[in-house]
Amino acid sequence: MRLKSFFADTIEEAIAQARQEMGPDAMLVNSKPTSAEGRHLGAYEVVICAEKTNLAGSGSEIAAPAAPRPDSPSMNKLSRDVSELRRQMERLALALARSGTGLASRASDAEQARILSSFADAELDLHLAYEMIGRLGTPLSASAARNELLRMVRVNTELGAPGAPGRIVAVVGPPGAGKTSALVKLAVQYGITARRPSLILSVDTYRIAASEELRSYAAILGIGCQILDTTAALAQSLEDHQGQNFVFIDTPGLCRSEMDAYQDLAQCLASYPGVDTHLVLPAPMRAADLNRVAAQYAVFQPKKLLFTRLDETETFGPMLSQSLKMDIPISFLSRGQRIPEDLQPADPETIVDLVLGPDTSRESQFDKAVA
């Protein structure tokens, strides 16, 4: 494996030159503004890494140890990890260069490295992290990064659509996400506890015993419950109960192959005026799976994200990243099975505390609530 320096007026131009000469797998290792004596070569010097066999032509070259041949699963994984690290470094350099803040030359800054390391540990989307770092001024600090992340968080804990005569809340999401439990917790906290007329509607006739489970909950809580077999029946029930203060709609957990069968339900919820649809997602779910499920449920046009099973993970970056990428606020956070105690309204400080660890100057509101 060899390293080679390229010079150009932009980092992107230097990378393009490198890949033309060294092949498409050439990766950026480092970048910095060109020194005064080399300014005639270009505004930036970038160091590019590629397999030795791909290297051609002349230029400033630095020999590096030959990479071991990936002839085992562990070496294959190491090779993939190294490639991903290089791609991350490249995105960082590009983001910093585009920011115009002059931070591209500080890619090795110790404080910046610590901040990025904390983001990586939390599994926060690195593209978002790089953009955020690029917006920060100098000197960089962990507190400035926390405040910038706090500014980016979006929450919305209001139930129902603004101006609607009643509050209609629907929960959708994949199997096992905890929709029914979250729905009952919402019904208790915002309907029963507040002494507001409430009704539970369920179109989850797919899961075995789901109807009986909801009926049992409703009987214990002393509120109405209707099990509806069709989308037409749901639409009629919504018309019949427009004056109800709270209507909570439970839906089946759908796998990808089942989505087509519920297009009518999705269109009903998306088009009916006043329906506040929350996409319920498990906090421990991997970032790639969150993306996949979110794309799958986009047909329901969710207004908010509700995250469950926070007690089953210690990594919350994917949760926040998903909200930011979808540009949809987080509504509630659920940790545990207790009804209704283990459901709390989301707030920016709590979310940032979950992602980066608690601010030593204050205790997480979520931790207070569940203590």
Protein backbone atom coordinates (compact mmCIF):
# COMPACT_ATOMS: atom_id res chain seq x y z
CA MET A 1 0.00 0.00 0.00
CA ARG A 2 1.33 3.48 -0.88
CA LEU A 3 0.57 7.06 0.12
CA LYS A 4 0.83 9.96 -2.29
CA SER A 5 0.26 13.72 -2.04
CA PHE A 6 -1.81 15.63 -4.57
CA PHE A 7 -2.24 19.38 -4.91
CA ALA A 8 -5.28 21.29 -6.19
CA ASP A 9 -7.36 24.38 -5.47
CA THR A 10 -10.07 22.28 -3.79
CA ILE A 11 -10.01 19.01 -1.90
CA GLU A 12 -12.57 17.55 -4.31
CA GLU A 13 -10.31 18.31 -7.32
CA ALA A 14 -7.35 16.66 -5.61
CA ILE A 15 -9.40 13.53 -4.87
CA ALA A 16 -10.60 13.40 -8.48
CA GLN A 17 -7.01 13.63 -9.73
CA ALA A 18 -5.96 10.88 -7.35
CA ARG A 19 -8.71 8.50 -8.41
CA GLN A 20 -7.97 9.11 -12.08
CA GLU A 21 -4.34 8.17 -11.51
CA MET A 22 -4.56 5.62 -8.68
CA GLY A 23 -7.92 4.01 -9.31
CA PRO A 24 -11.46 4.35 -7.91
CA ASP A 25 -10.52 2.77 -4.55
CA ALA A 26 -8.06 5.54 -3.68
CA MET A 27 -9.03 7.07 -0.33
CA LEU A 28 -8.26 10.37 1.34
CA VAL A 29 -6.02 10.07 4.42
CA ASN A 30 -5.31 13.70 5.31
CA SER A 31 -5.69 17.23 3.97
CA LYS A 32 -4.24 20.62 4.79
CA PRO A 33 -3.73 24.04 3.18
CA THR A 34 -0.59 24.17 1.07
CA SER A 35 2.41 25.87 2.63
CA ALA A 36 3.42 29.29 1.26
CA GLU A 37 6.30 27.90 -0.79
CA GLY A 38 4.06 25.30 -2.42
CA ARG A 39 1.05 27.53 -3.00
CA HIS A 40 1.72 27.60 -6.75
CA LEU A 41 0.84 23.88 -6.84
CA GLY A 42 -2.65 24.44 -5.46
CA ALA A 43 -4.49 25.69 -2.38
CA TYR A 44 -4.70 22.24 -0.73
CA GLU A 45 -2.41 19.27 -0.27
CA VAL A 46 -4.21 15.97 0.22
CA VAL A 47 -2.64 12.63 1.05
CA ILE A 48 -4.20 9.68 -0.76
CA CYS A 49 -3.86 5.98 0.00
CA ALA A 50 -4.16 3.15 -2.55
CA GLU A 51 -2.92 -0.34 -3.21
CA LYS A 52 0.63 -0.28 -4.55
CA THR A 53 -0.37 -2.07 -7.74
CA ASN A 54 -2.76 0.78 -8.59
CA LEU A 55 -0.12 3.48 -8.30
CA ALA A 56 1.17 5.02 -11.48
CA GLY A 57 2.95 8.18 -12.53
CA SER A 58 5.16 10.41 -10.45
CA GLY A 59 4.67 12.73 -7.56
CA SER A 60 5.32 13.11 -3.88
CA GLU A 61 5.21 9.53 -2.53
CA ILE A 62 5.63 8.06 0.92
CA ALA A 63 6.19 4.34 1.34
CA ALA A 64 3.89 2.58 3.78
CA PRO A 65 3.94 -0.98 5.09
CA ALA A 66 2.37 -3.48 2.73
CA ALA A 67 -1.18 -4.41 3.75
CA PRO A 68 -1.65 -8.05 4.73
CA ARG A 69 -3.66 -10.11 2.31
CA PRO A 70 -7.24 -10.52 3.62
CA ASP A 71 -7.37 -14.32 3.58
CA SER A 72 -9.48 -14.80 6.72
CA PRO A 73 -12.84 -13.49 8.02
CA SER A 74 -11.09 -11.36 10.63
CA MET A 75 -8.82 -9.76 8.02
CA ASN A 76 -11.81 -9.14 5.76
CA LYS A 77 -13.55 -7.34 8.63
CA LEU A 78 -10.40 -5.32 9.35
CA SER A 79 -10.18 -4.32 5.70
CA ARG A 80 -13.81 -3.19 5.72
CA ASP A 81 -13.30 -1.22 8.94
CA VAL A 82 -10.23 0.52 7.51
CA SER A 83 -12.10 1.39 4.32
CA GLU A 84 -15.01 2.80 6.32
CA LEU A 85 -12.60 4.86 8.46
CA ARG A 86 -11.05 6.33 5.32
CA ARG A 87 -14.47 7.21 3.93
CA GLN A 88 -15.33 8.92 7.20
CA MET A 89 -12.11 10.93 7.09
CA GLU A 90 -12.88 11.95 3.54
CA ARG A 91 -16.39 13.12 4.45
CA LEU A 92 -14.97 15.03 7.39
CA ALA A 93 -12.41 16.82 5.27
CA LEU A 94 -15.01 17.74 2.66
CA ALA A 95 -17.49 18.97 5.25
CA LEU A 96 -14.88 21.11 6.97
CA ALA A 97 -13.61 22.50 3.69
CA ARG A 98 -17.13 23.46 2.58
CA SER A 99 -17.85 25.10 5.92
CA GLY A 100 -15.39 27.87 5.13
CA THR A 101 -14.30 28.01 8.77
CA GLY A 102 -10.68 27.08 8.16
CA LEU A 103 -11.01 23.91 10.20
CA ALA A 104 -9.79 21.60 7.45
CA SER A 105 -6.24 22.12 8.62
CA ARG A 106 -7.21 21.02 12.15
CA ALA A 107 -8.25 17.47 11.35
CA SER A 108 -5.79 16.21 13.96
CA ASP A 109 -6.89 18.68 16.67
CA ALA A 110 -7.12 16.75 19.95
CA GLU A 111 -10.36 18.35 21.14
CA GLN A 112 -12.00 17.82 17.78
CA ALA A 113 -10.90 14.19 17.87
CA ARG A 114 -12.44 13.76 21.32
CA ILE A 115 -15.72 15.31 20.18
CA LEU A 116 -15.91 13.11 17.10
CA SER A 117 -15.01 10.08 19.20
CA SER A 118 -17.93 10.78 21.54
CA PHE A 119 -20.27 11.07 18.55
CA ALA A 120 -18.92 7.82 17.10
CA ASP A 121 -19.34 6.03 20.45
CA ALA A 122 -22.98 7.14 20.51
CA GLU A 123 -23.38 5.93 16.90
CA LEU A 124 -24.60 9.35 15.85
CA ASP A 125 -24.75 9.59 12.06
CA LEU A 126 -21.26 10.74 11.13
CA HIS A 127 -22.41 12.85 8.18
CA LEU A 128 -24.56 14.87 10.59
CA ALA A 129 -21.66 15.00 13.05
CA TYR A 130 -19.28 16.33 10.41
CA GLU A 131 -21.73 19.00 9.31
CA MET A 132 -22.21 20.07 12.92
CA ILE A 133 -18.47 20.27 13.58
CA GLY A 134 -18.13 22.37 10.44
CA ARG A 135 -20.62 24.91 11.83
CA LEU A 136 -18.79 25.33 15.12
CA GLY A 137 -16.43 28.22 15.58
CA THR A 138 -13.05 28.15 17.24
CA PRO A 139 -11.88 27.17 19.69
CA LEU A 140 -13.75 23.87 19.58
CA SER A 141 -15.13 22.57 22.87
CA ALA A 142 -17.30 19.73 24.09
CA SER A 143 -19.78 22.22 25.59
CA ALA A 144 -20.13 24.03 22.25
CA ALA A 145 -20.73 20.71 20.50
CA ARG A 146 -23.37 19.76 23.09
CA ASN A 147 -25.12 23.10 22.69
CA GLU A 148 -25.12 22.77 18.89
CA LEU A 149 -26.60 19.28 19.13
CA LEU A 150 -29.18 20.60 21.60
CA ARG A 151 -30.16 23.26 19.09
CA MET A 152 -30.70 20.63 16.40
CA VAL A 153 -33.03 18.37 18.43
CA ARG A 154 -36.72 18.57 17.52
CA VAL A 155 -39.49 17.49 19.89
CA ASN A 156 -43.28 17.80 19.82
CA THR A 157 -45.30 16.39 22.70
CA GLU A 158 -48.70 17.78 21.71
CA LEU A 159 -51.27 15.09 20.95
CA GLY A 160 -53.68 15.55 18.08
CA ALA A 161 -53.70 17.96 15.17
CA PRO A 162 -53.85 21.69 15.95
CA GLY A 163 -57.38 23.07 15.58
CA ALA A 164 -59.08 19.68 15.29
CA PRO A 165 -62.32 19.24 17.30
CA GLY A 166 -61.02 16.05 18.92
CA ARG A 167 -57.62 14.53 19.45
CA ILE A 168 -56.99 11.46 17.32
CA VAL A 169 -53.72 9.63 17.92
CA ALA A 170 -52.61 6.65 15.81
CA VAL A 171 -49.55 4.48 16.42
CA VAL A 172 -47.89 2.58 13.57
CA GLY A 173 -44.67 0.60 13.44
CA PRO A 174 -42.98 -2.76 13.01
CA PRO A 175 -43.84 -5.92 14.95
CA GLY A 176 -42.50 -5.93 18.50
CA ALA A 177 -41.96 -2.17 18.65
CA GLY A 178 -44.35 -1.78 21.60
CA LYS A 179 -47.17 0.11 19.91
CA THR A 180 -50.01 -1.27 22.00
CA SER A 181 -48.20 -0.68 25.28
CA ALA A 182 -47.32 2.88 24.24
CA LEU A 183 -50.92 3.51 23.17
CA VAL A 184 -52.30 2.38 26.54
CA LYS A 185 -49.76 4.53 28.38
CA LEU A 186 -50.86 7.55 26.35
CA ALA A 187 -54.53 6.76 27.01
CA VAL A 188 -53.91 6.60 30.76
CA GLN A 189 -51.75 9.72 31.00
CA TYR A 190 -53.66 12.03 28.69
CA GLY A 191 -57.16 10.64 28.73
CA ILE A 192 -58.06 8.89 31.97
CA THR A 193 -55.80 10.81 34.35
CA ALA A 194 -57.03 14.10 32.89
CA ARG A 195 -60.65 12.83 33.08
CA ARG A 196 -61.20 13.32 29.36
CA PRO A 197 -63.56 11.06 27.37
CA SER A 198 -61.43 8.47 25.59
CA LEU A 199 -61.90 5.62 23.15
CA ILE A 200 -59.55 2.96 21.81
CA LEU A 201 -59.97 1.75 18.23
CA SER A 202 -58.02 -1.25 16.98
CA VAL A 203 -57.53 -2.47 13.45
CA ASP A 204 -54.98 -5.03 14.63
CA THR A 205 -56.89 -8.19 13.81
CA TYR A 206 -53.70 -9.72 12.40
CA ARG A 207 -51.88 -10.55 15.64
CA ILE A 208 -53.22 -13.45 17.67
CA ALA A 209 -54.95 -12.33 20.89
CA ALA A 210 -54.30 -8.63 20.12
CA SER A 211 -58.01 -7.83 20.29
CA GLU A 212 -58.44 -9.55 23.65
CA GLU A 213 -55.38 -7.79 25.03
CA LEU A 214 -56.79 -4.37 24.17
CA ARG A 215 -60.25 -5.26 25.42
CA SER A 216 -58.71 -6.30 28.74
CA TYR A 217 -56.80 -3.03 29.02
CA ALA A 218 -59.90 -1.00 28.16
CA ALA A 219 -62.01 -2.89 30.72
CA ILE A 220 -59.45 -2.26 33.44
CA LEU A 221 -59.21 1.42 32.50
CA GLY A 222 -62.98 1.83 32.14
CA ILE A 223 -62.92 3.24 28.62
CA GLY A 224 -64.53 2.17 25.36
CA CYS A 225 -62.82 -0.17 22.91
CA GLN A 226 -63.84 -1.11 19.37
CA ILE A 227 -62.21 -3.85 17.26
CA LEU A 228 -62.58 -2.98 13.59
CA ASP A 229 -62.12 -5.46 10.76
CA THR A 230 -61.90 -3.09 7.80
CA THR A 231 -60.62 0.34 6.85
CA ALA A 232 -64.17 1.34 5.99
CA ALA A 233 -65.25 0.47 9.51
CA LEU A 234 -62.42 2.61 10.89
CA ALA A 235 -63.43 5.57 8.75
CA GLN A 236 -67.06 5.23 9.89
CA SER A 237 -66.05 5.01 13.55
CA LEU A 238 -63.92 8.13 13.22
CA GLU A 239 -66.90 9.97 11.75
CA ASP A 240 -69.15 8.72 14.57
CA HIS A 241 -66.76 9.88 17.30
CA GLN A 242 -65.60 13.25 16.00
CA GLY A 243 -66.60 14.90 19.25
CA GLN A 244 -64.64 12.44 21.42
CA ASN A 245 -61.90 14.22 23.32
CA PHE A 246 -59.35 11.45 22.71
CA VAL A 247 -59.41 8.62 20.17
CA PHE A 248 -56.43 6.24 20.23
CA ILE A 249 -55.91 4.00 17.18
CA ASP A 250 -53.87 0.80 17.37
CA THR A 251 -52.59 -0.79 14.14
CA PRO A 252 -50.92 -4.10 13.27
CA GLY A 253 -47.17 -4.50 13.14
CA LEU A 254 -46.36 -5.06 9.49
CA CYS A 255 -43.38 -6.69 7.84
CA ARG A 256 -42.19 -5.41 4.48
CA SER A 257 -44.02 -8.15 2.56
CA GLU A 258 -47.33 -7.24 4.25
CA MET A 259 -47.37 -3.51 3.48
CA ASP A 260 -49.27 -3.78 0.20
CA ALA A 261 -52.24 -5.39 1.97
CA TYR A 262 -52.60 -2.34 4.22
CA GLN A 263 -52.32 0.46 1.65
CA ASP A 264 -55.98 1.41 2.27
CA LEU A 265 -55.31 1.75 6.00
CA ALA A 266 -52.25 3.89 5.38
CA GLN A 267 -54.17 6.16 3.01
CA CYS A 268 -57.07 6.44 5.47
CA LEU A 269 -54.84 7.55 8.34
CA ALA A 270 -52.78 9.86 6.14
CA SER A 271 -55.80 11.57 4.59
CA TYR A 272 -58.24 11.75 7.50
CA PRO A 273 -58.17 15.27 8.96
CA GLY A 274 -56.88 15.51 12.48
CA VAL A 275 -55.09 12.16 12.77
CA ASP A 276 -51.79 12.54 14.61
CA THR A 277 -49.74 9.50 13.51
CA HIS A 278 -46.72 8.45 15.57
CA LEU A 279 -44.20 6.02 14.10
CA VAL A 280 -43.16 3.78 17.00
CA LEU A 281 -39.57 2.53 16.78
CA PRO A 282 -37.43 0.49 19.20
CA ALA A 283 -34.44 2.50 20.43
CA PRO A 284 -32.07 -0.53 20.27
CA MET A 285 -32.68 -0.96 16.52
CA ARG A 286 -29.60 -0.53 14.32
CA ALA A 287 -29.34 2.64 12.24
CA ALA A 288 -29.66 0.76 8.95
CA ASP A 289 -32.81 -0.98 10.17
CA LEU A 290 -34.29 2.29 11.42
CA ASN A 291 -33.77 3.74 7.94
CA ARG A 292 -35.37 0.71 6.32
CA VAL A 293 -38.41 0.70 8.61
CA ALA A 294 -38.87 4.46 8.30
CA ALA A 295 -38.90 4.17 4.50
CA GLN A 296 -41.33 1.26 4.75
CA TYR A 297 -43.78 3.24 6.91
CA ALA A 298 -43.45 6.52 5.00
CA VAL A 299 -46.78 5.66 3.31
CA PHE A 300 -48.49 6.38 6.66
CA GLN A 301 -47.03 9.92 6.62
CA PRO A 302 -46.12 9.92 10.34
CA LYS A 303 -46.03 13.29 12.05
CA LYS A 304 -43.84 12.24 14.99
CA LEU A 305 -41.47 9.52 16.20
CA LEU A 306 -42.07 7.66 19.46
CA PHE A 307 -39.15 5.55 20.73
CA THR A 308 -39.61 2.54 22.99
CA ARG A 309 -37.41 0.01 24.87
CA LEU A 310 -34.87 2.61 25.95
CA ASP A 311 -34.00 0.32 28.85
CA GLU A 312 -32.58 -2.23 26.40
CA THR A 313 -29.76 -0.11 24.99
CA GLU A 314 -27.07 2.34 26.04
CA THR A 315 -26.55 3.80 22.56
CA PHE A 316 -28.99 6.49 21.44
CA GLY A 317 -27.28 8.19 18.50
CA PRO A 318 -29.29 6.27 15.87
CA MET A 319 -32.53 7.39 17.53
CA LEU A 320 -31.65 11.08 17.28
CA SER A 321 -30.06 10.66 13.84
CA GLN A 322 -33.28 9.17 12.48
CA SER A 323 -35.31 12.12 13.71
CA LEU A 324 -32.89 14.61 12.15
CA LYS A 325 -32.66 12.77 8.83
CA MET A 326 -36.45 12.47 8.55
CA ASP A 327 -36.96 16.02 9.84
CA ILE A 328 -39.68 14.65 12.15
CA PRO A 329 -39.82 15.55 15.87
CA ILE A 330 -39.63 13.02 18.68
CA SER A 331 -42.80 12.91 20.79
CA PHE A 332 -42.33 10.41 23.63
CA LEU A 333 -39.73 8.07 25.12
CA SER A 334 -40.68 4.76 26.71
CA ARG A 335 -38.48 2.74 29.03
CA GLY A 336 -39.94 -0.39 30.63
CA GLN A 337 -43.35 -2.02 30.92
CA ARG A 338 -44.95 -0.06 33.76
CA ILE A 339 -48.19 1.66 32.79
CA PRO A 340 -48.21 4.61 32.63
CA GLU A 341 -44.99 5.54 34.48
CA ASP A 342 -42.52 4.37 31.85
CA LEU A 343 -43.59 6.83 29.16
CA GLN A 344 -42.26 10.38 29.26
CA PRO A 345 -42.62 13.39 26.96
CA ALA A 346 -39.44 13.98 25.00
CA ASP A 347 -37.37 17.06 25.69
CA PRO A 348 -34.12 18.19 24.02
CA GLU A 349 -31.99 18.10 27.18
CA THR A 350 -32.93 14.52 27.97
CA ILE A 351 -32.24 13.37 24.41
CA VAL A 352 -28.80 14.99 24.33
CA ASP A 353 -28.05 13.50 27.77
CA LEU A 354 -28.96 10.07 26.40
CA VAL A 355 -26.76 10.50 23.33
CA LEU A 356 -23.67 12.11 24.88
CA GLY A 357 -24.06 11.14 28.52
CA PRO A 358 -25.56 13.36 31.21
CA ASP A 359 -24.41 16.91 31.65
CA THR A 360 -22.64 16.94 35.00
CA SER A 361 -24.31 20.24 35.84
CA ARG A 362 -27.81 18.78 35.71
CA GLU A 363 -29.60 15.47 36.14
CA SER A 364 -31.46 14.00 33.18
CA GLN A 365 -35.18 14.72 33.42
CA PHE A 366 -35.87 11.20 32.19
CA ASP A 367 -33.74 9.72 34.97
CA LYS A 368 -35.64 11.82 37.50
CA ALA A 369 -38.96 10.67 36.13
CA VAL A 370 -38.18 6.96 36.22
CA ALA A 371 -36.24 7.01 39.52
